[in-house]
Protein backbone atom coordinates (compact mmCIF):
# COMPACT_ATOMS: atom_id res chain seq x y z
CA MET A 1 102.10 103.14 98.84
CA ARG A 2 100.25 102.34 101.81
CA ARG A 3 99.88 98.91 101.03
CA ILE A 4 103.73 98.42 100.49
CA GLY A 5 104.62 100.15 103.60
CA GLY A 6 101.89 98.18 105.59
CA ILE A 7 103.38 94.82 104.36
CA ALA A 8 106.88 95.99 105.13
CA LEU A 9 105.98 96.99 108.44
CA THR A 10 104.09 93.90 109.24
CA VAL A 11 106.70 91.40 107.76
CA THR A 12 109.59 93.22 109.70
CA GLY A 13 107.43 93.29 112.93
CA PHE A 14 106.94 89.62 112.86
CA LEU A 15 110.73 89.01 112.11
CA ALA A 16 111.41 91.33 115.19
CA CYS A 17 109.20 89.14 117.42
CA PRO A 18 111.01 88.68 120.92
CA CYS A 19 110.16 84.97 120.51
CA HIS A 20 112.34 84.86 117.47
CA LEU A 21 115.41 86.33 119.07
CA ILE A 22 116.32 82.99 120.64
CA ILE A 23 117.32 82.09 117.07
CA THR A 24 118.10 85.45 115.53
CA LEU A 25 120.08 87.15 118.44
CA PRO A 26 122.93 84.51 118.20
CA LEU A 27 123.07 84.65 114.61
CA LEU A 28 123.10 88.53 114.70
CA LEU A 29 125.97 88.44 117.24
CA SER A 30 127.82 85.81 115.13
CA LEU A 31 127.68 88.19 112.15
CA LEU A 32 128.71 90.92 114.36
CA ALA A 33 131.56 89.42 116.15
CA GLY A 34 134.36 91.48 116.58
CA THR A 35 132.64 94.78 116.09
CA ALA A 36 131.74 97.39 118.52
CA LEU A 37 127.85 96.82 117.88
CA GLY A 38 128.34 92.97 118.34
CA SER A 39 130.12 93.62 121.67
CA PHE A 40 127.52 96.04 122.71
CA LEU A 41 124.70 93.56 122.09
CA SER A 42 126.35 90.74 123.64
CA GLN A 43 126.75 92.71 126.70
CA ASN A 44 123.49 94.31 126.71
CA SER A 45 121.20 91.44 125.41
CA GLY A 46 118.27 92.66 127.63
CA LEU A 47 118.20 96.09 125.75
CA ALA A 48 118.13 94.11 122.47
CA TYR A 49 115.03 92.20 123.75
CA THR A 50 113.29 95.31 125.02
CA GLY A 51 113.93 97.08 121.55
CA ALA A 52 112.68 94.21 119.65
CA SER A 53 109.57 93.88 121.78
CA ILE A 54 108.81 97.64 121.27
CA TYR A 55 109.36 97.55 117.65
CA PHE A 56 107.08 94.29 117.38
CA VAL A 57 104.22 96.09 118.80
CA VAL A 58 104.48 99.33 117.09
CA ALA A 59 105.31 97.72 113.67
CA LEU A 60 102.25 95.47 113.76
CA ALA A 61 99.96 98.07 115.11
CA LEU A 62 101.01 100.55 112.53
CA GLY A 63 101.27 98.03 109.81
CA GLY A 64 97.90 96.73 110.58
CA PHE A 65 96.50 100.22 110.46
CA LEU A 66 97.97 101.04 106.98
CA LEU A 67 96.51 97.85 105.54
CA LEU A 68 93.29 97.68 107.21
CA HIS A 69 92.23 101.29 107.54
CA GLN A 70 90.35 102.67 104.38
CA LYS A 71 90.44 106.10 103.17
CA ARG A 72 87.82 108.41 104.49
CA PRO A 73 84.85 108.78 101.80
CA GLY A 74 85.12 112.72 102.02
CA SER A 75 89.02 112.80 101.53
CA GLN A 76 89.94 114.69 98.20
CA SER A 77 92.89 113.24 96.41
CA ALA A 78 94.72 114.31 93.30
CA PRO A 79 93.42 112.88 89.91
CA PRO A 80 95.62 110.20 88.50
CA TYR A 81 95.99 112.35 85.43
CA PRO A 82 96.18 115.93 86.47
CA THR A 83 96.07 117.13 82.74
CA CYS A 84 92.84 115.38 82.09
CA ILE A 85 89.94 117.53 82.17
CA LEU A 86 86.97 115.84 83.65
CA GLY A 87 83.58 116.72 81.87
CA ASP A 88 79.91 115.83 82.20
CA ALA A 89 79.09 112.93 79.99
CA SER A 90 75.65 114.64 79.14
CA GLU A 91 77.15 117.88 77.73
CA THR A 92 76.49 118.29 74.23
CA GLU A 93 78.64 121.29 73.58
CA SER A 94 81.64 120.65 71.56
CA TRP A 95 84.94 122.60 72.38
CA GLN A 96 86.55 124.45 69.28
CA SER A 97 89.79 125.96 69.31
CA SER A 98 90.31 129.55 68.19
CA ARG A 99 93.80 128.91 66.76
CA GLU A 100 93.79 129.09 63.00
CA GLU A 101 95.95 125.88 62.62
CA ASP A 102 93.27 124.03 64.53
CA GLN A 103 90.47 125.07 62.23
CA PRO A 104 89.21 122.70 59.31
CA SER A 105 90.57 124.21 55.80
CA THR A 106 87.10 125.24 54.80
CA ARG A 107 87.07 127.76 57.59
CA ARG A 108 90.49 129.54 57.02
């Protein structure tokens, strides 16, 4: 899940790069033409550049952290199969059920 989030943040961060807004802002304004949001963005394009710049920096930093930062070796995580009982391979004891239906027919 960390990898998917890191990739999503990194890709959207590159797409929100302020240098791409020369192309994407007019396309966005044409898609939003006639709406209140389109009118707001056309009147406040500096705010769009500022927001895209902030998102660009934060998304790349967080995406890079999620992709490149490894888990701490001492951190405990849940086992992949919580019903699995992990045992020592060198144990020679065998587990036997005390229920009658689990016993072999000679022991009933």
